[in-house]
Amino acid sequence: MTRRRPSPPMHLDDAARAKWKELVASLPDAEQGTLDALAAYCSAWSRWTAAEAKVQELGPVIRSAQGFAVQSPFVAIAA
């Protein structure tokens, strides 16, 4: 009998949902705690990859409104 794969939670964004679908089949069980941990991982992965893309686009240092060089807030998000 083939085990039905749980659907991703509705609160996940598109990137997190794609990561869920990639990983859910490899789970050893479908208990709620395991699914919650997978959802948290997918959400963090989505946020991290989006922040990394912005660091690549803007660089790790940006100019403030006053013209000073400051660390991009996306560096902190990615970390």
Protein backbone atom coordinates (compact mmCIF):
# COMPACT_ATOMS: atom_id res chain seq x y z
CA MET A 1 0.00 0.00 0.00
CA THR A 2 1.31 3.45 -0.93
CA ARG A 3 1.36 6.01 1.84
CA ARG A 4 -0.46 9.27 1.05
CA ARG A 5 1.87 12.23 1.24
CA PRO A 6 0.64 15.06 3.48
CA SER A 7 -0.12 18.34 1.74
CA PRO A 8 1.93 21.40 2.66
CA PRO A 9 0.38 23.82 5.14
CA MET A 10 -1.46 26.78 3.62
CA HIS A 11 0.75 29.36 5.39
CA LEU A 12 3.84 28.35 3.40
CA ASP A 13 4.82 30.54 0.46
CA ASP A 14 5.44 29.09 -3.01
CA ALA A 15 9.14 28.41 -2.46
CA ALA A 16 8.48 26.74 0.90
CA ARG A 17 5.69 24.63 -0.62
CA ALA A 18 8.04 23.47 -3.37
CA LYS A 19 10.67 22.50 -0.76
CA TRP A 20 7.97 20.64 1.21
CA LYS A 21 6.99 18.62 -1.85
CA GLU A 22 10.66 17.85 -2.49
CA LEU A 23 11.26 16.52 1.04
CA VAL A 24 7.99 15.10 2.36
CA ALA A 25 8.46 11.67 0.72
CA SER A 26 11.75 11.18 2.58
CA LEU A 27 10.18 11.57 6.04
CA PRO A 28 10.35 8.46 8.23
CA ASP A 29 6.84 9.17 9.57
CA ALA A 30 3.96 11.58 9.11
CA GLU A 31 3.38 12.40 12.77
CA GLN A 32 2.30 15.96 13.50
CA GLY A 33 5.55 16.90 15.21
CA THR A 34 7.54 15.73 12.19
CA LEU A 35 5.28 17.65 9.81
CA ASP A 36 5.52 20.78 11.99
CA ALA A 37 9.32 20.53 11.94
CA LEU A 38 9.29 20.14 8.15
CA ALA A 39 7.01 23.18 7.78
CA ALA A 40 9.33 25.26 10.00
CA TYR A 41 12.36 24.14 7.98
CA CYS A 42 10.66 24.93 4.66
CA SER A 43 9.61 28.38 5.86
CA ALA A 44 13.14 29.16 7.10
CA TRP A 45 14.66 27.82 3.88
CA SER A 46 12.40 30.05 1.79
CA ARG A 47 13.25 33.14 3.85
CA TRP A 48 16.97 32.33 3.73
CA THR A 49 17.09 31.79 -0.04
CA ALA A 50 15.12 34.99 -0.67
CA ALA A 51 17.49 36.97 1.59
CA GLU A 52 20.55 35.43 -0.08
CA ALA A 53 19.19 36.45 -3.48
CA LYS A 54 18.81 40.06 -2.28
CA VAL A 55 22.38 40.06 -0.89
CA GLN A 56 23.58 38.84 -4.29
CA GLU A 57 21.53 41.56 -6.01
CA LEU A 58 22.34 44.50 -3.70
CA GLY A 59 25.58 43.42 -2.05
CA PRO A 60 26.24 43.06 1.67
CA VAL A 61 26.72 46.81 2.15
CA ILE A 62 24.18 49.41 1.00
CA ARG A 63 23.79 53.17 1.35
CA SER A 64 21.46 54.53 4.01
CA ALA A 65 19.02 57.35 3.24
CA GLN A 66 21.67 59.70 4.63
CA GLY A 67 24.31 58.27 2.28
CA PHE A 68 26.29 56.25 4.83
CA ALA A 69 27.47 52.72 4.08
CA VAL A 70 25.55 50.24 6.24
CA GLN A 71 25.10 46.51 6.33
CA SER A 72 22.18 45.35 4.21
CA PRO A 73 19.32 44.10 6.39
CA PHE A 74 19.21 41.03 4.15
CA VAL A 75 22.60 39.93 5.55
CA ALA A 76 21.04 39.64 9.02
CA ILE A 77 18.00 37.81 7.63
CA ALA A 78 20.21 35.37 5.73
CA ALA A 79 22.28 34.73 8.84
